[in-house]
């Protein structure tokens, strides 16, 4: 597990999502800060990291970047809840996950369940996500 996690964390923080249209009525487009607590099974100590990203109604999933070897699918938006599935393939194995967040104005919360499969080993963990609107997105 110790060697699995750092390799896959890079992929997980870099999944990409195709643009979609949505009707997130209670979502404020702009720069969001996301606090993620990674929870491991077997009582291993969780850790937390933060990231910032511009979220829009067309691209409402936090912690995503373009250009990684990841595929998102089954993206659904219902009311103010966004859910999606993720698969990343790397030299050492496969990462699969499914996430769900719910927007409430200038905040969101949700979880993402992750499973890593590397040759004859596997590991599971959970992302607990809390988001907070910061400001309008910077103009490029």
N, C-alpha and C. Protein backbone atom coordinates (compact mmCIF):
# COMPACT_ATOMS: atom_id res chain seq x y z
N UNK A 1 0.83 -1.20 0.00
CA UNK A 1 0.00 0.00 0.00
C UNK A 1 0.86 1.25 0.00
N UNK A 2 1.97 1.24 0.72
CA UNK A 2 2.79 2.44 0.81
C UNK A 2 3.29 2.88 -0.56
N UNK A 3 3.61 1.93 -1.44
CA UNK A 3 4.09 2.31 -2.76
C UNK A 3 2.94 2.64 -3.70
N UNK A 4 1.78 2.07 -3.45
CA UNK A 4 0.62 2.34 -4.31
C UNK A 4 0.13 3.77 -4.20
N UNK A 5 0.02 4.26 -2.97
CA UNK A 5 -0.66 5.53 -2.75
C UNK A 5 -0.01 6.71 -3.44
N UNK A 6 1.30 6.96 -3.30
CA UNK A 6 1.87 8.16 -3.94
C UNK A 6 1.74 8.14 -5.46
N UNK A 7 1.86 6.98 -6.06
CA UNK A 7 1.75 6.89 -7.52
C UNK A 7 0.35 7.27 -7.96
N UNK A 8 -0.66 6.74 -7.28
CA UNK A 8 -2.03 6.96 -7.70
C UNK A 8 -2.57 8.30 -7.27
N UNK A 9 -2.01 8.89 -6.23
CA UNK A 9 -2.47 10.21 -5.82
C UNK A 9 -2.26 11.21 -6.95
N UNK A 10 -1.15 11.06 -7.68
CA UNK A 10 -0.88 11.94 -8.83
C UNK A 10 -2.00 11.80 -9.86
N UNK A 11 -2.39 10.57 -10.17
CA UNK A 11 -3.47 10.36 -11.13
C UNK A 11 -4.79 10.90 -10.60
N UNK A 12 -5.08 10.63 -9.34
CA UNK A 12 -6.36 11.02 -8.78
C UNK A 12 -6.54 12.53 -8.78
N UNK A 13 -5.49 13.26 -8.45
CA UNK A 13 -5.58 14.72 -8.42
C UNK A 13 -5.60 15.28 -9.83
N UNK A 14 -5.38 14.45 -10.82
CA UNK A 14 -5.31 14.94 -12.17
C UNK A 14 -6.32 14.35 -13.12
N UNK A 15 -7.45 13.85 -12.63
CA UNK A 15 -8.42 13.31 -13.57
C UNK A 15 -9.05 14.44 -14.35
N UNK A 16 -9.52 14.12 -15.55
CA UNK A 16 -10.14 15.15 -16.38
C UNK A 16 -11.60 14.81 -16.60
N UNK A 17 -12.37 15.83 -16.92
CA UNK A 17 -13.81 15.64 -17.08
C UNK A 17 -14.27 16.40 -18.31
N UNK A 18 -14.99 15.74 -19.22
CA UNK A 18 -15.47 16.47 -20.38
C UNK A 18 -16.50 17.52 -19.98
N UNK A 19 -16.56 18.58 -20.75
CA UNK A 19 -17.52 19.65 -20.46
C UNK A 19 -18.94 19.15 -20.67
N UNK A 20 -19.84 19.59 -19.81
CA UNK A 20 -21.25 19.21 -19.90
C UNK A 20 -22.09 20.44 -19.65
N UNK A 21 -23.34 20.36 -19.99
CA UNK A 21 -24.24 21.44 -19.60
C UNK A 21 -25.05 20.95 -18.42
N UNK A 22 -25.42 21.85 -17.55
CA UNK A 22 -26.12 21.42 -16.34
C UNK A 22 -27.07 22.49 -15.86
N UNK A 23 -27.86 22.11 -14.89
CA UNK A 23 -28.78 23.04 -14.25
C UNK A 23 -28.55 23.01 -12.75
N UNK A 24 -27.36 23.31 -12.32
CA UNK A 24 -27.05 23.38 -10.89
C UNK A 24 -27.54 24.72 -10.38
N UNK A 25 -28.75 24.74 -9.88
CA UNK A 25 -29.37 26.00 -9.46
C UNK A 25 -28.70 26.62 -8.25
N UNK A 26 -28.13 25.80 -7.38
CA UNK A 26 -27.59 26.32 -6.12
C UNK A 26 -26.07 26.25 -6.09
N UNK A 27 -25.42 26.51 -7.25
CA UNK A 27 -23.97 26.46 -7.35
C UNK A 27 -23.46 27.81 -7.83
N UNK A 28 -22.48 28.36 -7.14
CA UNK A 28 -21.87 29.64 -7.49
C UNK A 28 -20.64 29.38 -8.36
N UNK A 29 -20.67 29.69 -9.66
CA UNK A 29 -19.48 29.49 -10.48
C UNK A 29 -18.34 30.40 -10.01
N UNK A 30 -17.12 29.88 -10.06
CA UNK A 30 -15.96 30.67 -9.66
C UNK A 30 -14.85 29.81 -9.12
N UNK A 31 -13.90 30.46 -8.45
CA UNK A 31 -12.75 29.78 -7.85
C UNK A 31 -13.18 29.15 -6.53
N UNK A 32 -12.98 27.86 -6.41
CA UNK A 32 -13.36 27.10 -5.22
C UNK A 32 -12.13 26.50 -4.56
N UNK A 33 -12.13 26.50 -3.24
CA UNK A 33 -11.10 25.78 -2.49
C UNK A 33 -11.73 24.49 -1.98
N UNK A 34 -11.04 23.39 -2.21
CA UNK A 34 -11.53 22.08 -1.79
C UNK A 34 -10.59 21.50 -0.75
N UNK A 35 -11.16 21.12 0.38
CA UNK A 35 -10.40 20.44 1.44
C UNK A 35 -10.77 18.97 1.35
N UNK A 36 -9.75 18.13 1.20
CA UNK A 36 -9.97 16.70 1.04
C UNK A 36 -9.29 15.96 2.19
N UNK A 37 -10.07 15.16 2.90
CA UNK A 37 -9.49 14.27 3.91
C UNK A 37 -9.49 12.87 3.32
N UNK A 38 -8.31 12.28 3.23
CA UNK A 38 -8.17 10.93 2.71
C UNK A 38 -8.24 9.96 3.88
N UNK A 39 -9.22 9.08 3.85
CA UNK A 39 -9.42 8.11 4.93
C UNK A 39 -9.05 6.72 4.42
N UNK A 40 -8.16 6.06 5.16
CA UNK A 40 -7.70 4.72 4.82
C UNK A 40 -8.40 3.68 5.68
N UNK A 41 -8.52 2.45 5.19
CA UNK A 41 -9.06 1.38 6.03
C UNK A 41 -8.01 0.94 7.05
N UNK A 42 -8.38 0.07 7.93
CA UNK A 42 -7.47 -0.52 8.91
C UNK A 42 -6.91 0.48 9.90
N UNK A 43 -7.61 1.58 10.13
CA UNK A 43 -7.20 2.52 11.16
C UNK A 43 -5.98 3.36 10.86
N UNK A 44 -5.47 3.31 9.65
CA UNK A 44 -4.33 4.14 9.29
C UNK A 44 -4.72 5.61 9.39
N UNK A 45 -3.82 6.44 9.87
CA UNK A 45 -4.09 7.85 10.12
C UNK A 45 -4.47 8.58 8.83
N UNK A 46 -5.62 9.25 8.80
CA UNK A 46 -6.01 10.02 7.61
C UNK A 46 -5.14 11.27 7.46
N UNK A 47 -5.10 11.80 6.27
CA UNK A 47 -4.43 13.08 6.07
C UNK A 47 -5.30 13.97 5.21
N UNK A 48 -5.00 15.27 5.24
CA UNK A 48 -5.82 16.27 4.55
C UNK A 48 -4.94 17.08 3.61
N UNK A 49 -5.50 17.42 2.45
CA UNK A 49 -4.84 18.38 1.56
C UNK A 49 -5.90 19.30 0.98
N UNK A 50 -5.47 20.45 0.47
CA UNK A 50 -6.39 21.40 -0.14
C UNK A 50 -5.93 21.71 -1.56
N UNK A 51 -6.88 22.11 -2.38
CA UNK A 51 -6.58 22.54 -3.74
C UNK A 51 -7.57 23.62 -4.13
N UNK A 52 -7.25 24.35 -5.18
CA UNK A 52 -8.15 25.36 -5.72
C UNK A 52 -8.35 25.11 -7.20
N UNK A 53 -9.57 25.37 -7.65
CA UNK A 53 -9.89 25.19 -9.06
C UNK A 53 -11.15 25.98 -9.38
N UNK A 54 -11.20 26.52 -10.59
CA UNK A 54 -12.41 27.19 -11.04
C UNK A 54 -13.45 26.14 -11.43
N UNK A 55 -14.63 26.26 -10.84
CA UNK A 55 -15.74 25.36 -11.14
C UNK A 55 -16.83 26.15 -11.84
N UNK A 56 -17.44 25.52 -12.81
CA UNK A 56 -18.55 26.14 -13.54
C UNK A 56 -19.69 25.15 -13.62
N UNK A 57 -20.83 25.61 -14.09
CA UNK A 57 -21.94 24.68 -14.27
C UNK A 57 -21.61 23.65 -15.35
N UNK A 58 -20.77 24.01 -16.30
CA UNK A 58 -20.37 23.08 -17.34
C UNK A 58 -19.27 22.12 -16.88
N UNK A 59 -18.56 22.45 -15.82
CA UNK A 59 -17.45 21.62 -15.32
C UNK A 59 -17.41 21.72 -13.80
N UNK A 60 -18.33 21.02 -13.11
CA UNK A 60 -18.52 21.23 -11.67
C UNK A 60 -17.76 20.29 -10.75
N UNK A 61 -16.86 19.44 -11.28
CA UNK A 61 -16.18 18.46 -10.43
C UNK A 61 -14.86 19.04 -9.92
N UNK A 62 -14.64 19.02 -8.60
CA UNK A 62 -13.41 19.60 -8.03
C UNK A 62 -12.19 18.73 -8.28
N UNK A 63 -11.00 19.34 -8.09
CA UNK A 63 -9.72 18.63 -8.15
C UNK A 63 -9.47 17.95 -9.48
N UNK A 64 -9.75 18.61 -10.58
CA UNK A 64 -9.53 17.99 -11.89
C UNK A 64 -8.59 18.84 -12.72
N UNK A 65 -7.82 18.19 -13.54
CA UNK A 65 -6.92 18.84 -14.49
C UNK A 65 -7.00 18.09 -15.80
N UNK A 66 -6.70 18.75 -16.90
CA UNK A 66 -6.68 18.11 -18.20
C UNK A 66 -5.36 17.37 -18.40
N UNK A 67 -5.38 16.39 -19.31
CA UNK A 67 -4.14 15.79 -19.76
C UNK A 67 -3.69 14.53 -19.04
N UNK A 68 -4.45 13.97 -18.15
CA UNK A 68 -4.05 12.74 -17.48
C UNK A 68 -4.69 11.55 -18.19
N UNK A 69 -4.16 10.36 -17.93
CA UNK A 69 -4.68 9.15 -18.55
C UNK A 69 -5.86 8.61 -17.74
N UNK A 70 -6.89 9.44 -17.61
CA UNK A 70 -8.08 9.07 -16.84
C UNK A 70 -9.32 9.28 -17.70
N UNK A 71 -10.31 8.48 -17.41
CA UNK A 71 -11.58 8.54 -18.15
C UNK A 71 -12.71 8.68 -17.14
N UNK A 72 -13.50 9.72 -17.28
CA UNK A 72 -14.69 9.92 -16.45
C UNK A 72 -15.91 9.51 -17.25
N UNK A 73 -16.86 8.91 -16.56
CA UNK A 73 -18.06 8.45 -17.23
C UNK A 73 -19.22 8.43 -16.24
N UNK A 74 -20.39 8.18 -16.75
CA UNK A 74 -21.61 8.16 -15.93
C UNK A 74 -21.78 9.44 -15.11
N UNK A 75 -21.45 10.57 -15.71
CA UNK A 75 -21.64 11.86 -15.04
C UNK A 75 -23.13 12.18 -15.01
N UNK A 76 -23.66 12.45 -13.83
CA UNK A 76 -25.06 12.83 -13.71
C UNK A 76 -25.19 14.04 -12.80
N UNK A 77 -26.17 14.86 -13.13
CA UNK A 77 -26.49 16.03 -12.30
C UNK A 77 -27.98 15.97 -12.03
N UNK A 78 -28.32 15.96 -10.76
CA UNK A 78 -29.73 15.97 -10.36
C UNK A 78 -29.87 16.99 -9.25
N UNK A 79 -30.72 17.97 -9.49
CA UNK A 79 -30.88 19.09 -8.57
C UNK A 79 -29.51 19.72 -8.36
N UNK A 80 -28.97 19.69 -7.17
CA UNK A 80 -27.67 20.30 -6.89
C UNK A 80 -26.60 19.27 -6.57
N UNK A 81 -26.83 18.02 -6.99
CA UNK A 81 -25.88 16.94 -6.73
C UNK A 81 -25.24 16.47 -8.03
N UNK A 82 -23.93 16.36 -8.01
CA UNK A 82 -23.14 15.90 -9.15
C UNK A 82 -22.52 14.56 -8.76
N UNK A 83 -22.66 13.55 -9.62
CA UNK A 83 -22.00 12.28 -9.37
C UNK A 83 -21.29 11.84 -10.65
N UNK A 84 -20.23 11.07 -10.48
CA UNK A 84 -19.42 10.64 -11.61
C UNK A 84 -18.64 9.40 -11.23
N UNK A 85 -18.12 8.71 -12.25
CA UNK A 85 -17.21 7.58 -12.07
C UNK A 85 -15.92 7.92 -12.79
N UNK A 86 -14.86 7.27 -12.34
CA UNK A 86 -13.52 7.59 -12.82
C UNK A 86 -12.72 6.31 -13.00
N UNK A 87 -11.92 6.25 -14.06
CA UNK A 87 -10.96 5.17 -14.22
C UNK A 87 -9.66 5.75 -14.75
N UNK A 88 -8.56 5.43 -14.09
CA UNK A 88 -7.23 5.85 -14.52
C UNK A 88 -6.39 4.60 -14.74
N UNK A 89 -5.65 4.58 -15.84
CA UNK A 89 -4.77 3.46 -16.14
C UNK A 89 -3.34 3.96 -16.14
N UNK A 90 -2.48 3.23 -15.45
CA UNK A 90 -1.07 3.57 -15.41
C UNK A 90 -0.23 2.33 -15.64
N UNK A 91 1.07 2.52 -15.67
CA UNK A 91 1.98 1.40 -15.90
C UNK A 91 1.85 0.34 -14.82
N UNK A 92 1.53 0.74 -13.62
CA UNK A 92 1.51 -0.19 -12.50
C UNK A 92 0.14 -0.77 -12.20
N UNK A 93 -0.92 -0.23 -12.79
CA UNK A 93 -2.23 -0.77 -12.49
C UNK A 93 -3.36 0.18 -12.85
N UNK A 94 -4.49 -0.04 -12.19
CA UNK A 94 -5.72 0.70 -12.48
C UNK A 94 -6.27 1.31 -11.20
N UNK A 95 -6.75 2.54 -11.32
CA UNK A 95 -7.46 3.21 -10.24
C UNK A 95 -8.89 3.41 -10.72
N UNK A 96 -9.86 3.03 -9.89
CA UNK A 96 -11.27 3.25 -10.20
C UNK A 96 -11.93 3.95 -9.04
N UNK A 97 -12.88 4.82 -9.34
CA UNK A 97 -13.55 5.53 -8.27
C UNK A 97 -14.92 6.02 -8.69
N UNK A 98 -15.68 6.40 -7.68
CA UNK A 98 -16.97 7.05 -7.93
C UNK A 98 -17.16 8.11 -6.87
N UNK A 99 -17.61 9.29 -7.32
CA UNK A 99 -17.76 10.41 -6.41
C UNK A 99 -19.12 11.05 -6.51
N UNK A 100 -19.44 11.80 -5.46
CA UNK A 100 -20.71 12.54 -5.42
C UNK A 100 -20.51 13.75 -4.52
N UNK A 101 -20.90 14.93 -5.02
CA UNK A 101 -20.89 16.14 -4.21
C UNK A 101 -22.24 16.84 -4.36
N UNK A 102 -22.61 17.59 -3.33
CA UNK A 102 -23.84 18.37 -3.35
C UNK A 102 -23.51 19.82 -3.05
N UNK A 103 -23.93 20.71 -3.95
CA UNK A 103 -23.70 22.14 -3.79
C UNK A 103 -24.81 22.76 -2.96
N UNK A 104 -24.43 23.70 -2.10
CA UNK A 104 -25.38 24.51 -1.33
C UNK A 104 -24.86 25.94 -1.37
N UNK A 105 -25.19 26.65 -2.45
CA UNK A 105 -24.74 28.03 -2.60
C UNK A 105 -23.23 28.12 -2.75
N UNK A 106 -22.56 28.63 -1.73
CA UNK A 106 -21.12 28.83 -1.80
C UNK A 106 -20.34 27.75 -1.07
N UNK A 107 -20.96 26.58 -0.86
CA UNK A 107 -20.27 25.43 -0.28
C UNK A 107 -20.71 24.16 -1.00
N UNK A 108 -19.90 23.11 -0.86
CA UNK A 108 -20.32 21.78 -1.28
C UNK A 108 -19.69 20.77 -0.35
N UNK A 109 -20.25 19.58 -0.33
CA UNK A 109 -19.66 18.47 0.42
C UNK A 109 -19.96 17.18 -0.32
N UNK A 110 -19.11 16.19 -0.10
CA UNK A 110 -19.32 14.90 -0.73
C UNK A 110 -18.17 13.95 -0.48
N UNK A 111 -18.24 12.81 -1.13
CA UNK A 111 -17.25 11.75 -0.96
C UNK A 111 -16.88 11.15 -2.30
N UNK A 112 -15.71 10.52 -2.32
CA UNK A 112 -15.29 9.74 -3.48
C UNK A 112 -14.65 8.47 -2.97
N UNK A 113 -15.18 7.32 -3.41
CA UNK A 113 -14.62 6.01 -3.05
C UNK A 113 -13.62 5.61 -4.13
N UNK A 114 -12.43 5.18 -3.70
CA UNK A 114 -11.34 4.86 -4.62
C UNK A 114 -10.90 3.42 -4.40
N UNK A 115 -10.62 2.70 -5.49
CA UNK A 115 -10.04 1.36 -5.43
C UNK A 115 -8.84 1.33 -6.37
N UNK A 116 -7.70 0.88 -5.86
CA UNK A 116 -6.48 0.76 -6.64
C UNK A 116 -6.17 -0.72 -6.81
N UNK A 117 -5.91 -1.13 -8.05
CA UNK A 117 -5.54 -2.51 -8.34
C UNK A 117 -4.18 -2.50 -9.01
N UNK A 118 -3.21 -3.10 -8.35
CA UNK A 118 -1.85 -3.15 -8.88
C UNK A 118 -1.37 -4.59 -8.83
N UNK A 119 -1.24 -5.21 -9.97
CA UNK A 119 -0.83 -6.61 -10.08
C UNK A 119 -1.60 -7.48 -9.10
N UNK A 120 -0.94 -8.01 -8.08
CA UNK A 120 -1.60 -8.92 -7.15
C UNK A 120 -2.04 -8.22 -5.86
N UNK A 121 -1.98 -6.90 -5.82
CA UNK A 121 -2.37 -6.16 -4.62
C UNK A 121 -3.48 -5.18 -4.96
N UNK A 122 -4.22 -4.81 -3.92
CA UNK A 122 -5.25 -3.79 -4.09
C UNK A 122 -5.39 -2.99 -2.81
N UNK A 123 -5.96 -1.81 -2.93
CA UNK A 123 -6.18 -0.95 -1.77
C UNK A 123 -7.42 -0.11 -2.03
N UNK A 124 -8.10 0.27 -0.95
CA UNK A 124 -9.28 1.13 -1.05
C UNK A 124 -9.13 2.27 -0.05
N UNK A 125 -9.65 3.43 -0.43
CA UNK A 125 -9.71 4.56 0.48
C UNK A 125 -10.82 5.48 0.06
N UNK A 126 -11.12 6.47 0.91
CA UNK A 126 -12.24 7.39 0.67
C UNK A 126 -11.74 8.82 0.76
N UNK A 127 -12.15 9.64 -0.19
CA UNK A 127 -11.95 11.09 -0.11
C UNK A 127 -13.22 11.70 0.49
N UNK A 128 -13.08 12.46 1.56
CA UNK A 128 -14.17 13.27 2.10
C UNK A 128 -13.89 14.71 1.67
N UNK A 129 -14.76 15.29 0.85
CA UNK A 129 -14.50 16.60 0.25
C UNK A 129 -15.43 17.67 0.82
N UNK A 130 -14.85 18.82 1.13
CA UNK A 130 -15.59 20.02 1.55
C UNK A 130 -15.10 21.16 0.67
N UNK A 131 -16.01 21.86 0.03
CA UNK A 131 -15.62 22.95 -0.85
C UNK A 131 -16.21 24.26 -0.40
N UNK A 132 -15.47 25.33 -0.69
CA UNK A 132 -15.93 26.67 -0.35
C UNK A 132 -15.57 27.64 -1.47
N UNK A 133 -16.56 28.40 -1.91
CA UNK A 133 -16.36 29.42 -2.94
C UNK A 133 -15.40 30.48 -2.42
N UNK A 134 -14.44 30.90 -3.27
CA UNK A 134 -13.45 31.89 -2.88
C UNK A 134 -13.67 33.24 -3.57
N UNK A 135 -13.83 33.22 -4.90
CA UNK A 135 -13.92 34.46 -5.67
C UNK A 135 -14.30 34.13 -7.11
N UNK A 136 -14.55 35.16 -7.93
CA UNK A 136 -14.72 34.88 -9.36
C UNK A 136 -13.43 34.28 -9.92
N UNK A 137 -13.54 33.54 -11.01
CA UNK A 137 -12.36 32.95 -11.64
C UNK A 137 -11.49 34.06 -12.22
N UNK A 138 -10.16 33.92 -12.11
CA UNK A 138 -9.27 34.91 -12.72
C UNK A 138 -9.45 34.91 -14.24
N UNK A 139 -9.30 36.06 -14.83
CA UNK A 139 -9.39 36.19 -16.28
C UNK A 139 -8.04 35.77 -16.86
N UNK A 140 -8.03 34.84 -17.84
CA UNK A 140 -6.74 34.38 -18.40
C UNK A 140 -6.02 35.45 -19.18
